[in-house]
């Protein structure tokens, strides 16, 4: 299965929203890594992974997400995920990956968090 990745930015390019459609696996993880490298400008402080249409994730996909998490953590940034499908939730539960990553049940919950983060960024606060 293929992977379609779209992205856009909010709050002066400091928040990247990455939407994943399809499968994040051995064949598509390099594509994910390349796209993430393209969007990680120095000012990006938060990467939100929208997994609403992610149907499958393999260990290679988990490695890529973990690599993103480590990169952002080393830069003082954060990674969050929203709209995970039940099968994706189960994979993360099984491997107990990324305990510090923000997880959101839906877009409303993610938007509430993003509103708070953007307010902090505008006020020069850490989040």
PDB file of N, CA and C in Angstrom:
ATOM      1  N   UNK A   1       0.845  -1.182   0.000  1.00  0.00           N
ATOM      2  CA  UNK A   1       0.000   0.000   0.000  1.00  0.00           C
ATOM      3  C   UNK A   1       0.888   1.242   0.000  1.00  0.00           C
ATOM      4  N   UNK A   2       0.410   2.297  -0.549  1.00  0.00           N
ATOM      5  CA  UNK A   2       1.185   3.529  -0.645  1.00  0.00           C
ATOM      6  C   UNK A   2       0.923   4.444   0.545  1.00  0.00           C
ATOM      7  N   UNK A   3       1.673   5.504   0.592  1.00  0.00           N
ATOM      8  CA  UNK A   3       1.521   6.520   1.630  1.00  0.00           C
ATOM      9  C   UNK A   3       1.441   7.884   0.963  1.00  0.00           C
ATOM     10  N   UNK A   4       0.420   8.638   1.314  1.00  0.00           N
ATOM     11  CA  UNK A   4       0.294  10.027   0.872  1.00  0.00           C
ATOM     12  C   UNK A   4       0.523  10.891   2.101  1.00  0.00           C
ATOM     13  N   UNK A   5       1.386  11.882   1.952  1.00  0.00           N
ATOM     14  CA  UNK A   5       1.715  12.773   3.067  1.00  0.00           C
ATOM     15  C   UNK A   5       1.438  14.199   2.626  1.00  0.00           C
ATOM     16  N   UNK A   6       0.633  14.889   3.408  1.00  0.00           N
ATOM     17  CA  UNK A   6       0.430  16.317   3.174  1.00  0.00           C
ATOM     18  C   UNK A   6       0.808  17.050   4.448  1.00  0.00           C
ATOM     19  N   UNK A   7       1.193  18.292   4.286  1.00  0.00           N
ATOM     20  CA  UNK A   7       1.572  19.062   5.473  1.00  0.00           C
ATOM     21  C   UNK A   7       1.227  20.526   5.276  1.00  0.00           C
ATOM     22  N   UNK A   8       1.001  21.193   6.374  1.00  0.00           N
ATOM     23  CA  UNK A   8       0.867  22.641   6.373  1.00  0.00           C
ATOM     24  C   UNK A   8       1.331  23.155   7.724  1.00  0.00           C
ATOM     25  N   UNK A   9       1.399  24.461   7.831  1.00  0.00           N
ATOM     26  CA  UNK A   9       1.971  25.079   9.021  1.00  0.00           C
ATOM     27  C   UNK A   9       0.997  26.059   9.642  1.00  0.00           C
ATOM     28  N   UNK A  10       1.143  26.229  10.944  1.00  0.00           N
ATOM     29  CA  UNK A  10       0.348  27.198  11.688  1.00  0.00           C
ATOM     30  C   UNK A  10       1.282  28.015  12.569  1.00  0.00           C
ATOM     31  N   UNK A  11       0.756  29.122  13.058  1.00  0.00           N
ATOM     32  CA  UNK A  11       1.441  30.002  14.014  1.00  0.00           C
ATOM     33  C   UNK A  11       2.869  30.316  13.584  1.00  0.00           C
ATOM     34  N   UNK A  12       2.979  31.086  12.517  1.00  0.00           N
ATOM     35  CA  UNK A  12       4.289  31.557  12.041  1.00  0.00           C
ATOM     36  C   UNK A  12       5.258  30.421  11.770  1.00  0.00           C
ATOM     37  N   UNK A  13       4.767  29.344  11.190  1.00  0.00           N
ATOM     38  CA  UNK A  13       5.595  28.201  10.803  1.00  0.00           C
ATOM     39  C   UNK A  13       6.159  27.420  11.991  1.00  0.00           C
ATOM     40  N   UNK A  14       5.671  27.645  13.204  1.00  0.00           N
ATOM     41  CA  UNK A  14       6.220  26.937  14.367  1.00  0.00           C
ATOM     42  C   UNK A  14       5.516  25.610  14.638  1.00  0.00           C
ATOM     43  N   UNK A  15       4.354  25.395  14.022  1.00  0.00           N
ATOM     44  CA  UNK A  15       3.613  24.146  14.194  1.00  0.00           C
ATOM     45  C   UNK A  15       3.405  23.519  12.822  1.00  0.00           C
ATOM     46  N   UNK A  16       3.875  22.291  12.662  1.00  0.00           N
ATOM     47  CA  UNK A  16       3.689  21.556  11.415  1.00  0.00           C
ATOM     48  C   UNK A  16       2.620  20.489  11.625  1.00  0.00           C
ATOM     49  N   UNK A  17       1.629  20.479  10.757  1.00  0.00           N
ATOM     50  CA  UNK A  17       0.593  19.451  10.768  1.00  0.00           C
ATOM     51  C   UNK A  17       0.905  18.500   9.614  1.00  0.00           C
ATOM     52  N   UNK A  18       1.120  17.232   9.920  1.00  0.00           N
ATOM     53  CA  UNK A  18       1.467  16.229   8.913  1.00  0.00           C
ATOM     54  C   UNK A  18       0.343  15.196   8.865  1.00  0.00           C
ATOM     55  N   UNK A  19      -0.308  15.099   7.719  1.00  0.00           N
ATOM     56  CA  UNK A  19      -1.411  14.151   7.548  1.00  0.00           C
ATOM     57  C   UNK A  19      -0.910  12.925   6.788  1.00  0.00           C
ATOM     58  N   UNK A  20      -1.189  11.755   7.355  1.00  0.00           N
ATOM     59  CA  UNK A  20      -0.726  10.496   6.777  1.00  0.00           C
ATOM     60  C   UNK A  20      -1.927   9.716   6.248  1.00  0.00           C
ATOM     61  N   UNK A  21      -1.836   9.291   5.000  1.00  0.00           N
ATOM     62  CA  UNK A  21      -2.915   8.538   4.364  1.00  0.00           C
ATOM     63  C   UNK A  21      -2.322   7.266   3.758  1.00  0.00           C
ATOM     64  N   UNK A  22      -2.791   6.119   4.221  1.00  0.00           N
ATOM     65  CA  UNK A  22      -2.322   4.851   3.664  1.00  0.00           C
ATOM     66  C   UNK A  22      -1.571   4.024   4.670  1.00  0.00           C
ATOM     67  N   UNK A  23      -0.357   3.644   4.314  1.00  0.00           N
ATOM     68  CA  UNK A  23       0.431   2.705   5.099  1.00  0.00           C
ATOM     69  C   UNK A  23       1.834   3.258   5.358  1.00  0.00           C
ATOM     70  N   UNK A  24       2.248   3.241   6.617  1.00  0.00           N
ATOM     71  CA  UNK A  24       3.611   3.644   6.985  1.00  0.00           C
ATOM     72  C   UNK A  24       4.361   2.363   7.321  1.00  0.00           C
ATOM     73  N   UNK A  25       5.137   1.880   6.350  1.00  0.00           N
ATOM     74  CA  UNK A  25       5.777   0.575   6.477  1.00  0.00           C
ATOM     75  C   UNK A  25       7.193   0.622   5.908  1.00  0.00           C
ATOM     76  N   UNK A  26       7.784  -0.541   5.715  1.00  0.00           N
ATOM     77  CA  UNK A  26       9.155  -0.628   5.214  1.00  0.00           C
ATOM     78  C   UNK A  26       9.325   0.118   3.897  1.00  0.00           C
ATOM     79  N   UNK A  27       8.349   0.009   3.022  1.00  0.00           N
ATOM     80  CA  UNK A  27       8.446   0.654   1.712  1.00  0.00           C
ATOM     81  C   UNK A  27       8.227   2.161   1.768  1.00  0.00           C
ATOM     82  N   UNK A  28       7.405   2.630   2.706  1.00  0.00           N
ATOM     83  CA  UNK A  28       7.040   4.049   2.728  1.00  0.00           C
ATOM     84  C   UNK A  28       7.737   4.859   3.821  1.00  0.00           C
ATOM     85  N   UNK A  29       8.395   4.190   4.762  1.00  0.00           N
ATOM     86  CA  UNK A  29       9.088   4.915   5.836  1.00  0.00           C
ATOM     87  C   UNK A  29      10.142   5.889   5.289  1.00  0.00           C
ATOM     88  N   UNK A  30      10.928   5.511   4.269  1.00  0.00           N
ATOM     89  CA  UNK A  30      11.883   6.486   3.726  1.00  0.00           C
ATOM     90  C   UNK A  30      11.201   7.747   3.186  1.00  0.00           C
ATOM     91  N   UNK A  31      10.043   7.586   2.583  1.00  0.00           N
ATOM     92  CA  UNK A  31       9.270   8.735   2.091  1.00  0.00           C
ATOM     93  C   UNK A  31       8.863   9.630   3.269  1.00  0.00           C
ATOM     94  N   UNK A  32       8.403   9.017   4.350  1.00  0.00           N
ATOM     95  CA  UNK A  32       8.034   9.761   5.560  1.00  0.00           C
ATOM     96  C   UNK A  32       9.251  10.512   6.102  1.00  0.00           C
ATOM     97  N   UNK A  33      10.393   9.816   6.208  1.00  0.00           N
ATOM     98  CA  UNK A  33      11.610  10.441   6.732  1.00  0.00           C
ATOM     99  C   UNK A  33      12.025  11.642   5.890  1.00  0.00           C
ATOM    100  N   UNK A  34      11.949  11.501   4.575  1.00  0.00           N
ATOM    101  CA  UNK A  34      12.312  12.595   3.668  1.00  0.00           C
ATOM    102  C   UNK A  34      11.377  13.784   3.846  1.00  0.00           C
ATOM    103  N   UNK A  35      10.085  13.513   3.906  1.00  0.00           N
ATOM    104  CA  UNK A  35       9.104  14.596   4.067  1.00  0.00           C
ATOM    105  C   UNK A  35       9.306  15.313   5.391  1.00  0.00           C
ATOM    106  N   UNK A  36       9.535  14.556   6.453  1.00  0.00           N
ATOM    107  CA  UNK A  36       9.763  15.156   7.769  1.00  0.00           C
ATOM    108  C   UNK A  36      11.007  16.036   7.733  1.00  0.00           C
ATOM    109  N   UNK A  37      12.070  15.560   7.105  1.00  0.00           N
ATOM    110  CA  UNK A  37      13.296  16.358   7.011  1.00  0.00           C
ATOM    111  C   UNK A  37      13.036  17.671   6.278  1.00  0.00           C
ATOM    112  N   UNK A  38      12.170  17.641   5.278  1.00  0.00           N
ATOM    113  CA  UNK A  38      11.840  18.853   4.522  1.00  0.00           C
ATOM    114  C   UNK A  38      11.081  19.874   5.366  1.00  0.00           C
ATOM    115  N   UNK A  39      10.230  19.408   6.258  1.00  0.00           N
ATOM    116  CA  UNK A  39       9.399  20.352   7.018  1.00  0.00           C
ATOM    117  C   UNK A  39      10.040  20.817   8.316  1.00  0.00           C
ATOM    118  N   UNK A  40      11.106  20.175   8.751  1.00  0.00           N
ATOM    119  CA  UNK A  40      11.700  20.533  10.040  1.00  0.00           C
ATOM    120  C   UNK A  40      12.632  21.730   9.940  1.00  0.00           C
ATOM    121  N   UNK A  41      12.058  22.864   9.618  1.00  0.00           N
ATOM    122  CA  UNK A  41      12.820  24.114   9.633  1.00  0.00           C
ATOM    123  C   UNK A  41      13.183  24.428  11.080  1.00  0.00           C
ATOM    124  N   UNK A  42      14.203  25.258  11.288  1.00  0.00           N
ATOM    125  CA  UNK A  42      14.627  25.563  12.659  1.00  0.00           C
ATOM    126  C   UNK A  42      13.524  26.094  13.571  1.00  0.00           C
ATOM    127  N   UNK A  43      12.539  26.779  13.023  1.00  0.00           N
ATOM    128  CA  UNK A  43      11.499  27.366  13.861  1.00  0.00           C
ATOM    129  C   UNK A  43      10.362  26.425  14.241  1.00  0.00           C
ATOM    130  N   UNK A  44      10.339  25.218  13.689  1.00  0.00           N
ATOM    131  CA  UNK A  44       9.261  24.276  14.003  1.00  0.00           C
ATOM    132  C   UNK A  44       9.464  23.737  15.415  1.00  0.00           C
ATOM    133  N   UNK A  45       8.452  23.980  16.265  1.00  0.00           N
ATOM    134  CA  UNK A  45       8.536  23.551  17.667  1.00  0.00           C
ATOM    135  C   UNK A  45       7.579  22.421  17.999  1.00  0.00           C
ATOM    136  N   UNK A  46       6.618  22.182  17.116  1.00  0.00           N
ATOM    137  CA  UNK A  46       5.636  21.129  17.353  1.00  0.00           C
ATOM    138  C   UNK A  46       5.263  20.489  16.024  1.00  0.00           C
ATOM    139  N   UNK A  47       5.327  19.160  15.975  1.00  0.00           N
ATOM    140  CA  UNK A  47       4.877  18.408  14.809  1.00  0.00           C
ATOM    141  C   UNK A  47       3.679  17.573  15.244  1.00  0.00           C
ATOM    142  N   UNK A  48       2.549  17.799  14.584  1.00  0.00           N
ATOM    143  CA  UNK A  48       1.335  17.036  14.866  1.00  0.00           C
ATOM    144  C   UNK A  48       1.115  16.040  13.732  1.00  0.00           C
ATOM    145  N   UNK A  49       1.039  14.765  14.068  1.00  0.00           N
ATOM    146  CA  UNK A  49       0.776  13.720  13.090  1.00  0.00           C
ATOM    147  C   UNK A  49      -0.714  13.393  13.109  1.00  0.00           C
ATOM    148  N   UNK A  50      -1.394  13.702  12.020  1.00  0.00           N
ATOM    149  CA  UNK A  50      -2.811  13.368  11.895  1.00  0.00           C
ATOM    150  C   UNK A  50      -2.895  11.989  11.251  1.00  0.00           C
ATOM    151  N   UNK A  51      -3.318  10.999  12.037  1.00  0.00           N
ATOM    152  CA  UNK A  51      -3.347   9.609  11.587  1.00  0.00           C
ATOM    153  C   UNK A  51      -4.756   9.130  11.231  1.00  0.00           C
ATOM    154  N   UNK A  52      -5.634  10.071  10.952  1.00  0.00           N
ATOM    155  CA  UNK A  52      -7.032   9.726  10.666  1.00  0.00           C
ATOM    156  C   UNK A  52      -7.169   8.713   9.531  1.00  0.00           C
ATOM    157  N   UNK A  53      -6.318   8.835   8.526  1.00  0.00           N
ATOM    158  CA  UNK A  53      -6.408   7.953   7.362  1.00  0.00           C
ATOM    159  C   UNK A  53      -5.203   7.021   7.244  1.00  0.00           C
ATOM    160  N   UNK A  54      -4.459   6.864   8.339  1.00  0.00           N
ATOM    161  CA  UNK A  54      -3.360   5.895   8.357  1.00  0.00           C
ATOM    162  C   UNK A  54      -3.966   4.530   8.672  1.00  0.00           C
ATOM    163  N   UNK A  55      -3.843   3.611   7.739  1.00  0.00           N
ATOM    164  CA  UNK A  55      -4.487   2.307   7.880  1.00  0.00           C
ATOM    165  C   UNK A  55      -3.574   1.246   8.474  1.00  0.00           C
ATOM    166  N   UNK A  56      -2.261   1.436   8.343  1.00  0.00           N
ATOM    167  CA  UNK A  56      -1.326   0.404   8.789  1.00  0.00           C
ATOM    168  C   UNK A  56      -0.010   1.062   9.168  1.00  0.00           C
ATOM    169  N   UNK A  57       0.626   0.543  10.219  1.00  0.00           N
ATOM    170  CA  UNK A  57       1.973   0.985  10.584  1.00  0.00           C
ATOM    171  C   UNK A  57       2.787  -0.240  10.982  1.00  0.00           C
ATOM    172  N   UNK A  58       3.965  -0.364  10.407  1.00  0.00           N
ATOM    173  CA  UNK A  58       4.855  -1.489  10.711  1.00  0.00           C
ATOM    174  C   UNK A  58       5.948  -1.021  11.661  1.00  0.00           C
ATOM    175  N   UNK A  59       6.846  -1.939  12.007  1.00  0.00           N
ATOM    176  CA  UNK A  59       7.960  -1.567  12.883  1.00  0.00           C
ATOM    177  C   UNK A  59       8.834  -0.501  12.232  1.00  0.00           C
ATOM    178  N   UNK A  60       8.963  -0.540  10.914  1.00  0.00           N
ATOM    179  CA  UNK A  60       9.740   0.494  10.215  1.00  0.00           C
ATOM    180  C   UNK A  60       9.056   1.850  10.359  1.00  0.00           C
ATOM    181  N   UNK A  61       7.739   1.861  10.293  1.00  0.00           N
ATOM    182  CA  UNK A  61       6.993   3.102  10.492  1.00  0.00           C
ATOM    183  C   UNK A  61       7.142   3.625  11.906  1.00  0.00           C
ATOM    184  N   UNK A  62       7.074   2.718  12.876  1.00  0.00           N
ATOM    185  CA  UNK A  62       7.271   3.107  14.278  1.00  0.00           C
ATOM    186  C   UNK A  62       8.663   3.698  14.463  1.00  0.00           C
ATOM    187  N   UNK A  63       9.668   3.074  13.846  1.00  0.00           N
ATOM    188  CA  UNK A  63      11.040   3.607  13.939  1.00  0.00           C
ATOM    189  C   UNK A  63      11.104   5.030  13.397  1.00  0.00           C
ATOM    190  N   UNK A  64      10.437   5.275  12.278  1.00  0.00           N
ATOM    191  CA  UNK A  64      10.449   6.615  11.691  1.00  0.00           C
ATOM    192  C   UNK A  64       9.775   7.631  12.604  1.00  0.00           C
ATOM    193  N   UNK A  65       8.659   7.258  13.206  1.00  0.00           N
ATOM    194  CA  UNK A  65       7.979   8.156  14.144  1.00  0.00           C
ATOM    195  C   UNK A  65       8.867   8.394  15.359  1.00  0.00           C
ATOM    196  N   UNK A  66       9.514   7.340  15.847  1.00  0.00           N
ATOM    197  CA  UNK A  66      10.397   7.478  17.002  1.00  0.00           C
ATOM    198  C   UNK A  66      11.586   8.382  16.673  1.00  0.00           C
ATOM    199  N   UNK A  67      12.116   8.243  15.457  1.00  0.00           N
ATOM    200  CA  UNK A  67      13.229   9.102  15.030  1.00  0.00           C
ATOM    201  C   UNK A  67      12.792  10.569  15.019  1.00  0.00           C
ATOM    202  N   UNK A  68      11.589  10.839  14.530  1.00  0.00           N
ATOM    203  CA  UNK A  68      11.041  12.199  14.551  1.00  0.00           C
ATOM    204  C   UNK A  68      10.925  12.692  15.991  1.00  0.00           C
ATOM    205  N   UNK A  69      10.399  11.844  16.862  1.00  0.00           N
ATOM    206  CA  UNK A  69      10.251  12.193  18.275  1.00  0.00           C
ATOM    207  C   UNK A  69      11.604  12.564  18.888  1.00  0.00           C
ATOM    208  N   UNK A  70      12.627  11.746  18.644  1.00  0.00           N
ATOM    209  CA  UNK A  70      13.962  12.018  19.195  1.00  0.00           C
ATOM    210  C   UNK A  70      14.540  13.315  18.638  1.00  0.00           C
ATOM    211  N   UNK A  71      14.347  13.546  17.351  1.00  0.00           N
ATOM    212  CA  UNK A  71      14.842  14.773  16.730  1.00  0.00           C
ATOM    213  C   UNK A  71      14.193  15.994  17.360  1.00  0.00           C
ATOM    214  N   UNK A  72      12.879  15.951  17.488  1.00  0.00           N
ATOM    215  CA  UNK A  72      12.172  17.097  18.068  1.00  0.00           C
ATOM    216  C   UNK A  72      12.544  17.290  19.536  1.00  0.00           C
ATOM    217  N   UNK A  73      12.674  16.213  20.271  1.00  0.00           N
ATOM    218  CA  UNK A  73      13.040  16.314  21.687  1.00  0.00           C
ATOM    219  C   UNK A  73      14.420  16.946  21.840  1.00  0.00           C
ATOM    220  N   UNK A  74      15.358  16.577  20.967  1.00  0.00           N
ATOM    221  CA  UNK A  74      16.711  17.138  21.041  1.00  0.00           C
ATOM    222  C   UNK A  74      16.720  18.632  20.715  1.00  0.00           C
ATOM    223  N   UNK A  75      15.700  19.095  19.984  1.00  0.00           N
ATOM    224  CA  UNK A  75      15.580  20.514  19.627  1.00  0.00           C
ATOM    225  C   UNK A  75      14.701  21.276  20.604  1.00  0.00           C
ATOM    226  N   UNK A  76      14.231  20.583  21.639  1.00  0.00           N
ATOM    227  CA  UNK A  76      13.336  21.225  22.595  1.00  0.00           C
ATOM    228  C   UNK A  76      11.905  21.304  22.101  1.00  0.00           C
ATOM    229  N   UNK A  77      11.590  20.548  21.069  1.00  0.00           N
ATOM    230  CA  UNK A  77      10.244  20.541  20.504  1.00  0.00           C
ATOM    231  C   UNK A  77       9.454  19.324  20.933  1.00  0.00           C
ATOM    232  N   UNK A  78       8.263  19.201  20.361  1.00  0.00           N
ATOM    233  CA  UNK A  78       7.366  18.103  20.717  1.00  0.00           C
ATOM    234  C   UNK A  78       6.732  17.498  19.476  1.00  0.00           C
ATOM    235  N   UNK A  79       6.218  16.277  19.671  1.00  0.00           N
ATOM    236  CA  UNK A  79       5.472  15.575  18.636  1.00  0.00           C
ATOM    237  C   UNK A  79       4.151  15.135  19.252  1.00  0.00           C
ATOM    238  N   UNK A  80       3.082  15.262  18.495  1.00  0.00           N
ATOM    239  CA  UNK A  80       1.779  14.784  18.938  1.00  0.00           C
ATOM    240  C   UNK A  80       1.125  13.985  17.835  1.00  0.00           C
ATOM    241  N   UNK A  81       0.128  13.198  18.204  1.00  0.00           N
ATOM    242  CA  UNK A  81      -0.615  12.406  17.223  1.00  0.00           C
ATOM    243  C   UNK A  81      -2.100  12.553  17.501  1.00  0.00           C
ATOM    244  N   UNK A  82      -2.883  12.554  16.438  1.00  0.00           N
ATOM    245  CA  UNK A  82      -4.336  12.642  16.601  1.00  0.00           C
ATOM    246  C   UNK A  82      -5.025  11.676  15.655  1.00  0.00           C
ATOM    247  N   UNK A  83      -6.275  11.393  15.987  1.00  0.00           N
ATOM    248  CA  UNK A  83      -7.154  10.614  15.114  1.00  0.00           C
ATOM    249  C   UNK A  83      -6.613   9.234  14.757  1.00  0.00           C
ATOM    250  N   UNK A  84      -5.988   8.570  15.722  1.00  0.00           N
ATOM    251  CA  UNK A  84      -5.458   7.233  15.436  1.00  0.00           C
ATOM    252  C   UNK A  84      -6.605   6.232  15.298  1.00  0.00           C
ATOM    253  N   UNK A  85      -6.502   5.399  14.294  1.00  0.00           N
ATOM    254  CA  UNK A  85      -7.458   4.313  14.086  1.00  0.00           C
ATOM    255  C   UNK A  85      -7.220   3.229  15.143  1.00  0.00           C
ATOM    256  N   UNK A  86      -8.227   2.408  15.444  1.00  0.00           N
ATOM    257  CA  UNK A  86      -8.074   1.383  16.490  1.00  0.00           C
ATOM    258  C   UNK A  86      -6.856   0.480  16.303  1.00  0.00           C
ATOM    259  N   UNK A  87      -6.577   0.085  15.071  1.00  0.00           N
ATOM    260  CA  UNK A  87      -5.432  -0.794  14.844  1.00  0.00           C
ATOM    261  C   UNK A  87      -4.111  -0.074  15.111  1.00  0.00           C
ATOM    262  N   UNK A  88      -4.064   1.218  14.861  1.00  0.00           N
ATOM    263  CA  UNK A  88      -2.852   1.999  15.125  1.00  0.00           C
ATOM    264  C   UNK A  88      -2.700   2.195  16.632  1.00  0.00           C
ATOM    265  N   UNK A  89      -3.794   2.464  17.309  1.00  0.00           N
ATOM    266  CA  UNK A  89      -3.766   2.584  18.773  1.00  0.00           C
ATOM    267  C   UNK A  89      -3.200   1.308  19.376  1.00  0.00           C
ATOM    268  N   UNK A  90      -3.663   0.166  18.891  1.00  0.00           N
ATOM    269  CA  UNK A  90      -3.224  -1.123  19.437  1.00  0.00           C
ATOM    270  C   UNK A  90      -1.729  -1.319  19.252  1.00  0.00           C
ATOM    271  N   UNK A  91      -1.205  -0.957  18.097  1.00  0.00           N
ATOM    272  CA  UNK A  91       0.239  -1.092  17.855  1.00  0.00           C
ATOM    273  C   UNK A  91       1.018  -0.267  18.873  1.00  0.00           C
ATOM    274  N   UNK A  92       0.614   0.975  19.085  1.00  0.00           N
ATOM    275  CA  UNK A  92       1.300   1.825  20.056  1.00  0.00           C
ATOM    276  C   UNK A  92       1.160   1.267  21.466  1.00  0.00           C
ATOM    277  N   UNK A  93       0.009   0.698  21.797  1.00  0.00           N
ATOM    278  CA  UNK A  93      -0.170   0.087  23.116  1.00  0.00           C
ATOM    279  C   UNK A  93       0.746  -1.113  23.298  1.00  0.00           C
ATOM    280  N   UNK A  94       0.829  -1.948  22.285  1.00  0.00           N
ATOM    281  CA  UNK A  94       1.636  -3.165  22.371  1.00  0.00           C
ATOM    282  C   UNK A  94       3.101  -2.834  22.609  1.00  0.00           C
ATOM    283  N   UNK A  95       3.616  -1.882  21.886  1.00  0.00           N
ATOM    284  CA  UNK A  95       5.041  -1.572  22.033  1.00  0.00           C
ATOM    285  C   UNK A  95       5.306  -0.507  23.085  1.00  0.00           C
ATOM    286  N   UNK A  96       4.243   0.081  23.611  1.00  0.00           N
ATOM    287  CA  UNK A  96       4.354   1.139  24.620  1.00  0.00           C
ATOM    288  C   UNK A  96       5.346   2.210  24.176  1.00  0.00           C
ATOM    289  N   UNK A  97       5.190   2.616  22.935  1.00  0.00           N
ATOM    290  CA  UNK A  97       6.113   3.586  22.341  1.00  0.00           C
ATOM    291  C   UNK A  97       5.734   5.008  22.690  1.00  0.00           C
ATOM    292  N   UNK A  98       6.739   5.820  22.746  1.00  0.00           N
ATOM    293  CA  UNK A  98       6.592   7.258  22.836  1.00  0.00           C
ATOM    294  C   UNK A  98       5.701   7.711  23.984  1.00  0.00           C
ATOM    295  N   UNK A  99       6.065   7.372  25.206  1.00  0.00           N
ATOM    296  CA  UNK A  99       5.207   7.735  26.337  1.00  0.00           C
ATOM    297  C   UNK A  99       5.050   9.236  26.534  1.00  0.00           C
ATOM    298  N   UNK A 100       5.984  10.024  26.057  1.00  0.00           N
ATOM    299  CA  UNK A 100       5.907  11.474  26.228  1.00  0.00           C
ATOM    300  C   UNK A 100       5.168  12.174  25.090  1.00  0.00           C
ATOM    301  N   UNK A 101       4.740  11.432  24.090  1.00  0.00           N
ATOM    302  CA  UNK A 101       4.086  12.044  22.941  1.00  0.00           C
ATOM    303  C   UNK A 101       2.638  12.376  23.275  1.00  0.00           C
ATOM    304  N   UNK A 102       2.208  13.560  22.876  1.00  0.00           N
ATOM    305  CA  UNK A 102       0.823  13.976  23.071  1.00  0.00           C
ATOM    306  C   UNK A 102      -0.078  13.192  22.116  1.00  0.00           C
ATOM    307  N   UNK A 103      -1.157  12.628  22.654  1.00  0.00           N
ATOM    308  CA  UNK A 103      -2.106  11.865  21.852  1.00  0.00           C
ATOM    309  C   UNK A 103      -3.480  12.508  21.989  1.00  0.00           C
ATOM    310  N   UNK A 104      -4.166  12.673  20.865  1.00  0.00           N
ATOM    311  CA  UNK A 104      -5.476  13.314  20.865  1.00  0.00           C
ATOM    312  C   UNK A 104      -6.502  12.403  20.214  1.00  0.00           C
ATOM    313  N   UNK A 105      -7.676  12.337  20.793  1.00  0.00           N
ATOM    314  CA  UNK A 105      -8.733  11.456  20.299  1.00  0.00           C
ATOM    315  C   UNK A 105      -9.329  11.935  18.985  1.00  0.00           C
ATOM    316  N   UNK A 106      -9.355  13.247  18.782  1.00  0.00           N
ATOM    317  CA  UNK A 106     -10.005  13.779  17.584  1.00  0.00           C
ATOM    318  C   UNK A 106      -9.484  15.179  17.285  1.00  0.00           C
ATOM    319  N   UNK A 107      -9.999  15.764  16.204  1.00  0.00           N
ATOM    320  CA  UNK A 107      -9.539  17.093  15.788  1.00  0.00           C
ATOM    321  C   UNK A 107      -9.892  18.176  16.799  1.00  0.00           C
ATOM    322  N   UNK A 108     -11.059  18.081  17.430  1.00  0.00           N
ATOM    323  CA  UNK A 108     -11.455  19.095  18.413  1.00  0.00           C
ATOM    324  C   UNK A 108     -10.476  19.139  19.580  1.00  0.00           C
ATOM    325  N   UNK A 109     -10.119  17.965  20.077  1.00  0.00           N
ATOM    326  CA  UNK A 109      -9.172  17.896  21.187  1.00  0.00           C
ATOM    327  C   UNK A 109      -7.807  18.439  20.760  1.00  0.00           C
ATOM    328  N   UNK A 110      -7.380  18.085  19.546  1.00  0.00           N
ATOM    329  CA  UNK A 110      -6.107  18.578  19.040  1.00  0.00           C
ATOM    330  C   UNK A 110      -6.161  20.094  18.855  1.00  0.00           C
ATOM    331  N   UNK A 111      -7.266  20.621  18.321  1.00  0.00           N
ATOM    332  CA  UNK A 111      -7.393  22.064  18.115  1.00  0.00           C
ATOM    333  C   UNK A 111      -7.333  22.824  19.435  1.00  0.00           C
ATOM    334  N   UNK A 112      -7.945  22.276  20.467  1.00  0.00           N
ATOM    335  CA  UNK A 112      -7.898  22.912  21.787  1.00  0.00           C
ATOM    336  C   UNK A 112      -6.450  23.004  22.278  1.00  0.00           C
ATOM    337  N   UNK A 113      -5.711  21.912  22.102  1.00  0.00           N
ATOM    338  CA  UNK A 113      -4.302  21.900  22.499  1.00  0.00           C
ATOM    339  C   UNK A 113      -3.502  22.898  21.659  1.00  0.00           C
ATOM    340  N   UNK A 114      -3.730  22.891  20.344  1.00  0.00           N
ATOM    341  CA  UNK A 114      -2.991  23.799  19.460  1.00  0.00           C
ATOM    342  C   UNK A 114      -3.283  25.256  19.781  1.00  0.00           C
ATOM    343  N   UNK A 115      -4.513  25.563  20.143  1.00  0.00           N
ATOM    344  CA  UNK A 115      -4.861  26.932  20.534  1.00  0.00           C
ATOM    345  C   UNK A 115      -4.055  27.348  21.754  1.00  0.00           C
ATOM    346  N   UNK A 116      -3.957  26.465  22.728  1.00  0.00           N
ATOM    347  CA  UNK A 116      -3.186  26.763  23.938  1.00  0.00           C
ATOM    348  C   UNK A 116      -1.704  26.929  23.614  1.00  0.00           C
ATOM    349  N   UNK A 117      -1.161  26.042  22.772  1.00  0.00           N
ATOM    350  CA  UNK A 117       0.253  26.122  22.396  1.00  0.00           C
ATOM    351  C   UNK A 117       0.532  27.423  21.656  1.00  0.00           C
ATOM    352  N   UNK A 118      -0.341  27.786  20.728  1.00  0.00           N
ATOM    353  CA  UNK A 118      -0.129  29.005  19.957  1.00  0.00           C
ATOM    354  C   UNK A 118      -0.173  30.239  20.849  1.00  0.00           C
ATOM    355  N   UNK A 119      -1.060  30.232  21.828  1.00  0.00           N
ATOM    356  CA  UNK A 119      -1.104  31.339  22.782  1.00  0.00           C
ATOM    357  C   UNK A 119       0.198  31.461  23.542  1.00  0.00           C
ATOM    358  N   UNK A 120       0.745  30.328  23.955  1.00  0.00           N
ATOM    359  CA  UNK A 120       2.022  30.352  24.675  1.00  0.00           C
ATOM    360  C   UNK A 120       3.147  30.854  23.773  1.00  0.00           C
ATOM    361  N   UNK A 121       3.153  30.408  22.526  1.00  0.00           N
ATOM    362  CA  UNK A 121       4.190  30.851  21.593  1.00  0.00           C
ATOM    363  C   UNK A 121       4.093  32.358  21.376  1.00  0.00           C
ATOM    364  N   UNK A 122       2.874  32.864  21.173  1.00  0.00           N
ATOM    365  CA  UNK A 122       2.692  34.311  20.980  1.00  0.00           C
ATOM    366  C   UNK A 122       3.167  35.101  22.195  1.00  0.00           C
ATOM    367  N   UNK A 123       3.006  34.525  23.374  1.00  0.00           N
ATOM    368  CA  UNK A 123       3.412  35.201  24.612  1.00  0.00           C
ATOM    369  C   UNK A 123       4.863  34.935  24.989  1.00  0.00           C
ATOM    370  N   UNK A 124       5.582  34.199  24.133  1.00  0.00           N
ATOM    371  CA  UNK A 124       6.988  33.921  24.400  1.00  0.00           C
ATOM    372  C   UNK A 124       7.212  32.906  25.507  1.00  0.00           C
ATOM    373  N   UNK A 125       6.197  32.119  25.822  1.00  0.00           N
ATOM    374  CA  UNK A 125       6.306  31.125  26.891  1.00  0.00           C
ATOM    375  C   UNK A 125       6.735  29.773  26.332  1.00  0.00           C
ATOM    376  N   UNK A 126       7.306  28.943  27.199  1.00  0.00           N
ATOM    377  CA  UNK A 126       7.585  27.559  26.835  1.00  0.00           C
ATOM    378  C   UNK A 126       6.288  26.780  26.894  1.00  0.00           C
ATOM    379  N   UNK A 127       6.211  25.723  26.122  1.00  0.00           N
ATOM    380  CA  UNK A 127       5.021  24.876  26.189  1.00  0.00           C
ATOM    381  C   UNK A 127       5.422  23.454  26.430  1.00  0.00           C
TER     382      UNK A 127
END
